[in-house]
Amino acid sequence: MDYKYIEQLLERYWRCETSLQEEEILRMFFSQENIPAALLPYRQLFVYEQSGKMTDVLGNDFDQRILGMIEEDEPVKARVITMRQRLMPLFKAAAVVAIILTLGNAMQVALSEGQAQQGVPSVANVDKPHEGPSVAKADSVKSDTLQHKIQSPVSTITK
């Protein structure tokens, strides 16, 4: 017997090019008792659907069991959530930020002390004014012009 047509249908089946009627032909062929040895490995693929329909059937009491599980009332317990529990994520975030800022400041102080000990001038030290006498302070003279004008007319009136 020549099984070329069945082999062609199998090739088309693997490429997903078969119609529903052609797949039904394959199912009918593989449901026979006499199948060639070359096509025997494919038999379980096509026979499984027919044998699976008969073995995988739900029992008559399935609906009652499912409805029984659904209709069981379980008491709902309400949980009281305090304000502290609600704000706990915020407290944790604030603590993380505080730790990061503290570590950043500690590293900044350690680095600035390390630069001062090495004697390396930093950019911040270059722009600072130098300590010493200021020329502007020595040159400035405080004089109140209003005091001189007020004293002279007062002295003339009292005479």
C-alpha atoms as a PDB file:
ATOM      1  CA  MET A   1       0.000   0.000   0.000  1.00  0.00           C
ATOM      2  CA  ASP A   2       1.268   3.493  -0.857  1.00  0.00           C
ATOM      3  CA  TYR A   3       1.214   6.055   1.970  1.00  0.00           C
ATOM      4  CA  LYS A   4       2.561   9.015  -0.008  1.00  0.00           C
ATOM      5  CA  TYR A   5      -0.626  11.030   0.526  1.00  0.00           C
ATOM      6  CA  ILE A   6      -0.424  10.554   4.307  1.00  0.00           C
ATOM      7  CA  GLU A   7       3.255  11.538   4.296  1.00  0.00           C
ATOM      8  CA  GLN A   8       2.420  14.672   2.275  1.00  0.00           C
ATOM      9  CA  LEU A   9      -0.329  15.546   4.733  1.00  0.00           C
ATOM     10  CA  LEU A  10       2.105  15.092   7.623  1.00  0.00           C
ATOM     11  CA  GLU A  11       4.611  17.423   5.960  1.00  0.00           C
ATOM     12  CA  ARG A  12       1.901  20.027   5.438  1.00  0.00           C
ATOM     13  CA  TYR A  13       0.731  19.466   9.033  1.00  0.00           C
ATOM     14  CA  TRP A  14       4.213  20.249  10.408  1.00  0.00           C
ATOM     15  CA  ARG A  15       4.256  23.481   8.353  1.00  0.00           C
ATOM     16  CA  CYS A  16       0.752  24.375   9.656  1.00  0.00           C
ATOM     17  CA  GLU A  17      -0.733  24.368   6.165  1.00  0.00           C
ATOM     18  CA  THR A  18      -3.438  21.701   6.552  1.00  0.00           C
ATOM     19  CA  SER A  19      -7.148  22.346   6.627  1.00  0.00           C
ATOM     20  CA  LEU A  20      -9.499  20.940   9.236  1.00  0.00           C
ATOM     21  CA  GLN A  21     -10.661  18.237   6.819  1.00  0.00           C
ATOM     22  CA  GLU A  22      -7.082  17.123   6.138  1.00  0.00           C
ATOM     23  CA  GLU A  23      -6.366  16.938   9.861  1.00  0.00           C
ATOM     24  CA  GLU A  24      -9.483  14.812  10.275  1.00  0.00           C
ATOM     25  CA  ILE A  25      -8.125  12.481   7.549  1.00  0.00           C
ATOM     26  CA  LEU A  26      -4.884  12.141   9.567  1.00  0.00           C
ATOM     27  CA  ARG A  27      -6.831  11.394  12.754  1.00  0.00           C
ATOM     28  CA  MET A  28      -8.911   8.756  10.999  1.00  0.00           C
ATOM     29  CA  PHE A  29      -5.806   7.168   9.452  1.00  0.00           C
ATOM     30  CA  PHE A  30      -3.933   6.956  12.760  1.00  0.00           C
ATOM     31  CA  SER A  31      -6.975   5.572  14.587  1.00  0.00           C
ATOM     32  CA  GLN A  32      -6.754   2.372  12.438  1.00  0.00           C
ATOM     33  CA  GLU A  33      -5.190  -0.809  13.757  1.00  0.00           C
ATOM     34  CA  ASN A  34      -2.695  -1.389  10.899  1.00  0.00           C
ATOM     35  CA  ILE A  35      -0.221   1.484  10.568  1.00  0.00           C
ATOM     36  CA  PRO A  36       3.197   1.177   8.875  1.00  0.00           C
ATOM     37  CA  ALA A  37       6.227   1.157  11.183  1.00  0.00           C
ATOM     38  CA  ALA A  38       7.594   4.382   9.644  1.00  0.00           C
ATOM     39  CA  LEU A  39       4.457   6.298  10.673  1.00  0.00           C
ATOM     40  CA  LEU A  40       3.943   4.612  14.034  1.00  0.00           C
ATOM     41  CA  PRO A  41       5.749   7.345  16.105  1.00  0.00           C
ATOM     42  CA  TYR A  42       3.105   9.897  15.007  1.00  0.00           C
ATOM     43  CA  ARG A  43       0.163   7.764  16.084  1.00  0.00           C
ATOM     44  CA  GLN A  44       0.071   8.971  19.714  1.00  0.00           C
ATOM     45  CA  LEU A  45      -0.148  12.589  18.552  1.00  0.00           C
ATOM     46  CA  PHE A  46      -3.333  12.065  16.581  1.00  0.00           C
ATOM     47  CA  VAL A  47      -4.962   9.362  18.738  1.00  0.00           C
ATOM     48  CA  TYR A  48      -4.452  11.236  22.008  1.00  0.00           C
ATOM     49  CA  GLU A  49      -7.217  13.703  21.261  1.00  0.00           C
ATOM     50  CA  GLN A  50      -9.791  10.948  20.793  1.00  0.00           C
ATOM     51  CA  SER A  51      -8.687   8.895  23.783  1.00  0.00           C
ATOM     52  CA  GLY A  52      -8.322  12.008  25.929  1.00  0.00           C
ATOM     53  CA  LYS A  53     -11.934  12.983  25.384  1.00  0.00           C
ATOM     54  CA  MET A  54     -13.120   9.745  26.906  1.00  0.00           C
ATOM     55  CA  THR A  55     -10.772   9.637  29.901  1.00  0.00           C
ATOM     56  CA  ASP A  56     -10.788  13.325  30.947  1.00  0.00           C
ATOM     57  CA  VAL A  57     -14.430  13.677  31.882  1.00  0.00           C
ATOM     58  CA  LEU A  58     -15.600  15.488  34.975  1.00  0.00           C
ATOM     59  CA  GLY A  59     -17.649  13.572  37.504  1.00  0.00           C
ATOM     60  CA  ASN A  60     -21.339  14.182  38.153  1.00  0.00           C
ATOM     61  CA  ASP A  61     -20.644  15.648  41.588  1.00  0.00           C
ATOM     62  CA  PHE A  62     -18.084  18.188  40.292  1.00  0.00           C
ATOM     63  CA  ASP A  63     -20.551  21.088  40.207  1.00  0.00           C
ATOM     64  CA  GLN A  64     -21.742  20.432  43.753  1.00  0.00           C
ATOM     65  CA  ARG A  65     -18.185  20.271  45.094  1.00  0.00           C
ATOM     66  CA  ILE A  66     -17.160  23.545  43.422  1.00  0.00           C
ATOM     67  CA  LEU A  67     -20.308  25.341  44.554  1.00  0.00           C
ATOM     68  CA  GLY A  68     -19.763  24.000  48.063  1.00  0.00           C
ATOM     69  CA  MET A  69     -16.256  25.456  48.146  1.00  0.00           C
ATOM     70  CA  ILE A  70     -17.404  28.805  46.790  1.00  0.00           C
ATOM     71  CA  GLU A  71     -20.341  29.245  49.134  1.00  0.00           C
ATOM     72  CA  GLU A  72     -18.347  28.656  52.306  1.00  0.00           C
ATOM     73  CA  ASP A  73     -18.362  31.866  54.298  1.00  0.00           C
ATOM     74  CA  GLU A  74     -15.155  32.736  56.048  1.00  0.00           C
ATOM     75  CA  PRO A  75     -15.215  35.570  58.537  1.00  0.00           C
ATOM     76  CA  VAL A  76     -13.240  38.579  57.457  1.00  0.00           C
ATOM     77  CA  LYS A  77     -10.981  39.883  60.159  1.00  0.00           C
ATOM     78  CA  ALA A  78     -10.400  43.616  60.092  1.00  0.00           C
ATOM     79  CA  ARG A  79      -6.923  44.805  60.907  1.00  0.00           C
ATOM     80  CA  VAL A  80      -6.401  48.053  62.725  1.00  0.00           C
ATOM     81  CA  ILE A  81      -3.532  50.000  61.218  1.00  0.00           C
ATOM     82  CA  THR A  82      -2.071  52.643  63.491  1.00  0.00           C
ATOM     83  CA  MET A  83      -0.664  55.942  62.328  1.00  0.00           C
ATOM     84  CA  ARG A  84       2.802  54.730  63.248  1.00  0.00           C
ATOM     85  CA  GLN A  85       2.447  51.739  60.921  1.00  0.00           C
ATOM     86  CA  ARG A  86       1.212  53.974  58.113  1.00  0.00           C
ATOM     87  CA  LEU A  87       4.149  56.365  58.476  1.00  0.00           C
ATOM     88  CA  MET A  88       6.792  53.656  58.928  1.00  0.00           C
ATOM     89  CA  PRO A  89       7.926  53.752  55.254  1.00  0.00           C
ATOM     90  CA  LEU A  90       8.345  57.519  55.563  1.00  0.00           C
ATOM     91  CA  PHE A  91      10.409  57.116  58.736  1.00  0.00           C
ATOM     92  CA  LYS A  92      12.609  54.562  57.021  1.00  0.00           C
ATOM     93  CA  ALA A  93      13.167  56.840  54.035  1.00  0.00           C
ATOM     94  CA  ALA A  94      14.036  59.766  56.324  1.00  0.00           C
ATOM     95  CA  ALA A  95      16.518  57.594  58.216  1.00  0.00           C
ATOM     96  CA  VAL A  96      18.205  56.539  54.972  1.00  0.00           C
ATOM     97  CA  VAL A  97      18.493  60.171  53.848  1.00  0.00           C
ATOM     98  CA  ALA A  98      19.915  61.188  57.245  1.00  0.00           C
ATOM     99  CA  ILE A  99      22.516  58.409  57.109  1.00  0.00           C
ATOM    100  CA  ILE A 100      23.560  59.349  53.584  1.00  0.00           C
ATOM    101  CA  LEU A 101      23.898  63.039  54.498  1.00  0.00           C
ATOM    102  CA  THR A 102      25.878  62.201  57.640  1.00  0.00           C
ATOM    103  CA  LEU A 103      28.269  59.960  55.733  1.00  0.00           C
ATOM    104  CA  GLY A 104      28.646  62.594  53.006  1.00  0.00           C
ATOM    105  CA  ASN A 105      29.526  65.295  55.535  1.00  0.00           C
ATOM    106  CA  ALA A 106      31.962  62.994  57.322  1.00  0.00           C
ATOM    107  CA  MET A 107      33.724  62.219  54.058  1.00  0.00           C
ATOM    108  CA  GLN A 108      33.847  65.912  53.139  1.00  0.00           C
ATOM    109  CA  VAL A 109      35.453  66.796  56.480  1.00  0.00           C
ATOM    110  CA  ALA A 110      37.919  63.934  56.176  1.00  0.00           C
ATOM    111  CA  LEU A 111      38.916  64.969  52.672  1.00  0.00           C
ATOM    112  CA  SER A 112      39.308  68.650  53.577  1.00  0.00           C
ATOM    113  CA  GLU A 113      41.486  67.768  56.605  1.00  0.00           C
ATOM    114  CA  GLY A 114      43.545  65.455  54.412  1.00  0.00           C
ATOM    115  CA  GLN A 115      44.177  68.255  51.901  1.00  0.00           C
ATOM    116  CA  ALA A 116      45.132  70.706  54.660  1.00  0.00           C
ATOM    117  CA  GLN A 117      47.696  68.277  56.078  1.00  0.00           C
ATOM    118  CA  GLN A 118      49.258  67.638  52.678  1.00  0.00           C
ATOM    119  CA  GLY A 119      49.670  71.355  52.023  1.00  0.00           C
ATOM    120  CA  VAL A 120      47.995  71.154  48.656  1.00  0.00           C
ATOM    121  CA  PRO A 121      46.269  74.435  47.893  1.00  0.00           C
ATOM    122  CA  SER A 122      42.691  73.980  46.937  1.00  0.00           C
ATOM    123  CA  VAL A 123      40.574  76.202  44.767  1.00  0.00           C
ATOM    124  CA  ALA A 124      38.625  77.389  47.803  1.00  0.00           C
ATOM    125  CA  ASN A 125      41.829  78.588  49.543  1.00  0.00           C
ATOM    126  CA  VAL A 126      43.013  80.625  46.544  1.00  0.00           C
ATOM    127  CA  ASP A 127      40.009  82.953  46.569  1.00  0.00           C
ATOM    128  CA  LYS A 128      40.060  83.599  50.339  1.00  0.00           C
ATOM    129  CA  PRO A 129      41.368  87.002  51.509  1.00  0.00           C
ATOM    130  CA  HIS A 130      44.698  86.962  53.288  1.00  0.00           C
ATOM    131  CA  GLU A 131      44.908  87.794  56.977  1.00  0.00           C
ATOM    132  CA  GLY A 132      46.691  90.996  57.915  1.00  0.00           C
ATOM    133  CA  PRO A 133      46.125  94.731  58.193  1.00  0.00           C
ATOM    134  CA  SER A 134      43.656  96.095  55.745  1.00  0.00           C
ATOM    135  CA  VAL A 135      44.589  99.166  53.783  1.00  0.00           C
ATOM    136  CA  ALA A 136      41.008 100.282  53.584  1.00  0.00           C
ATOM    137  CA  LYS A 137      40.596 100.225  57.365  1.00  0.00           C
ATOM    138  CA  ALA A 138      43.687 102.320  57.941  1.00  0.00           C
ATOM    139  CA  ASP A 139      42.715 104.958  55.395  1.00  0.00           C
ATOM    140  CA  SER A 140      39.132 105.475  56.415  1.00  0.00           C
ATOM    141  CA  VAL A 141      38.406 108.397  58.680  1.00  0.00           C
ATOM    142  CA  LYS A 142      35.169 108.605  60.506  1.00  0.00           C
ATOM    143  CA  SER A 143      33.831 112.072  60.574  1.00  0.00           C
ATOM    144  CA  ASP A 144      30.340 113.147  61.242  1.00  0.00           C
ATOM    145  CA  THR A 145      29.536 116.279  59.329  1.00  0.00           C
ATOM    146  CA  LEU A 146      26.226 116.782  61.096  1.00  0.00           C
ATOM    147  CA  GLN A 147      27.855 117.051  64.502  1.00  0.00           C
ATOM    148  CA  HIS A 148      30.059 119.941  63.421  1.00  0.00           C
ATOM    149  CA  LYS A 149      27.164 121.891  61.980  1.00  0.00           C
ATOM    150  CA  ILE A 150      24.886 121.305  64.945  1.00  0.00           C
ATOM    151  CA  GLN A 151      27.487 122.303  67.541  1.00  0.00           C
ATOM    152  CA  SER A 152      28.244 125.638  66.043  1.00  0.00           C
ATOM    153  CA  PRO A 153      24.667 127.059  65.993  1.00  0.00           C
ATOM    154  CA  VAL A 154      23.929 125.710  69.436  1.00  0.00           C
ATOM    155  CA  SER A 155      26.945 127.426  70.865  1.00  0.00           C
ATOM    156  CA  THR A 156      25.897 130.749  69.356  1.00  0.00           C
ATOM    157  CA  ILE A 157      22.382 130.567  70.728  1.00  0.00           C
ATOM    158  CA  THR A 158      23.463 129.861  74.266  1.00  0.00           C
ATOM    159  CA  LYS A 159      25.833 132.838  74.401  1.00  0.00           C
END
